[in-house]
Amino acid sequence: MTLTTLDDYVKREIFKTNKELFDFCPACDETGNTIEALMKGLFQEAKKLQKERDEILKINRSIAKSIEELRNVVKDIGSLV
């Protein structure tokens, strides 16, 4: 069994063609250091996802607050009758 570098493994097992690799990570083509470029790309994607998640949580909190306010209004309507 031959030893393989992590770069070789990523190129061979994760991305079946160079085009696939470079479509996902254009910097891999420029740097020659596939793993470093992939890690930077994945970090940037993770930051985007975290920002999206934070926005979704903010909306969810707002909706939950609105639902609670609506629930209180409906409860008060029932007690006015």
Protein backbone atom coordinates (compact mmCIF):
# COMPACT_ATOMS: atom_id res chain seq x y z
CA MET A 1 0.00 0.00 0.00
CA THR A 2 1.44 3.36 -0.98
CA LEU A 3 1.36 6.40 1.26
CA THR A 4 -0.55 9.37 0.01
CA THR A 5 -0.59 13.00 1.02
CA LEU A 6 -3.74 14.62 2.31
CA ASP A 7 -3.75 16.84 -0.79
CA ASP A 8 -3.66 13.75 -3.02
CA TYR A 9 -6.43 12.09 -1.00
CA VAL A 10 -8.69 15.14 -1.24
CA LYS A 11 -8.08 15.46 -4.97
CA ARG A 12 -8.66 11.75 -5.58
CA GLU A 13 -11.50 10.88 -3.17
CA ILE A 14 -13.51 14.03 -2.55
CA PHE A 15 -13.32 15.76 -5.91
CA LYS A 16 -13.33 13.30 -8.78
CA THR A 17 -12.03 15.85 -11.31
CA ASN A 18 -9.89 18.97 -11.15
CA LYS A 19 -12.84 20.92 -12.56
CA GLU A 20 -14.98 19.83 -9.59
CA LEU A 21 -12.24 20.89 -7.19
CA PHE A 22 -11.65 24.25 -8.84
CA ASP A 23 -15.39 24.97 -9.14
CA PHE A 24 -15.70 24.48 -5.38
CA CYS A 25 -12.43 26.17 -4.50
CA PRO A 26 -11.02 28.49 -7.19
CA ALA A 27 -8.07 29.39 -4.94
CA CYS A 28 -6.86 25.77 -5.05
CA ASP A 29 -5.82 26.33 -8.65
CA GLU A 30 -3.77 29.41 -7.77
CA THR A 31 -2.00 28.37 -4.57
CA GLY A 32 -1.05 24.80 -5.25
CA ASN A 33 -1.85 24.09 -1.59
CA THR A 34 -5.20 22.35 -1.84
CA ILE A 35 -5.78 21.72 1.87
CA GLU A 36 -4.97 25.26 2.97
CA ALA A 37 -7.16 26.76 0.25
CA LEU A 38 -10.01 24.36 1.04
CA MET A 39 -9.82 25.18 4.75
CA LYS A 40 -9.97 28.90 4.00
CA GLY A 41 -12.93 28.33 1.68
CA LEU A 42 -14.73 26.17 4.23
CA PHE A 43 -14.10 28.77 6.94
CA GLN A 44 -15.63 31.48 4.74
CA GLU A 45 -18.66 29.26 4.03
CA ALA A 46 -19.03 28.54 7.75
CA LYS A 47 -19.03 32.27 8.51
CA LYS A 48 -21.78 32.81 5.90
CA LEU A 49 -23.84 29.96 7.37
CA GLN A 50 -23.40 31.33 10.89
CA LYS A 51 -24.61 34.73 9.74
CA GLU A 52 -27.66 33.14 8.06
CA ARG A 53 -28.34 31.10 11.21
CA ASP A 54 -28.17 34.23 13.37
CA GLU A 55 -30.66 35.98 11.08
CA ILE A 56 -33.03 33.00 11.25
CA LEU A 57 -32.79 32.92 15.05
CA LYS A 58 -33.57 36.64 15.19
CA ILE A 59 -36.68 36.11 13.04
CA ASN A 60 -37.74 33.10 15.13
CA ARG A 61 -37.44 35.11 18.34
CA SER A 62 -39.51 37.90 16.80
CA ILE A 63 -42.20 35.46 15.69
CA ALA A 64 -42.25 33.79 19.11
CA LYS A 65 -42.71 37.19 20.77
CA SER A 66 -45.55 38.04 18.36
CA ILE A 67 -47.24 34.70 19.01
CA GLU A 68 -47.03 35.26 22.76
CA GLU A 69 -48.53 38.74 22.37
CA LEU A 70 -51.32 37.34 20.17
CA ARG A 71 -52.00 34.59 22.70
CA ASN A 72 -52.36 37.20 25.45
CA VAL A 73 -54.75 39.28 23.31
CA VAL A 74 -56.90 36.24 22.57
CA LYS A 75 -56.93 35.31 26.27
CA ASP A 76 -57.97 38.87 27.18
CA ILE A 77 -60.76 38.82 24.57
CA GLY A 78 -62.15 35.71 26.21
CA SER A 79 -62.23 37.37 29.62
CA LEU A 80 -63.99 40.51 28.31
CA VAL A 81 -67.12 38.60 27.35
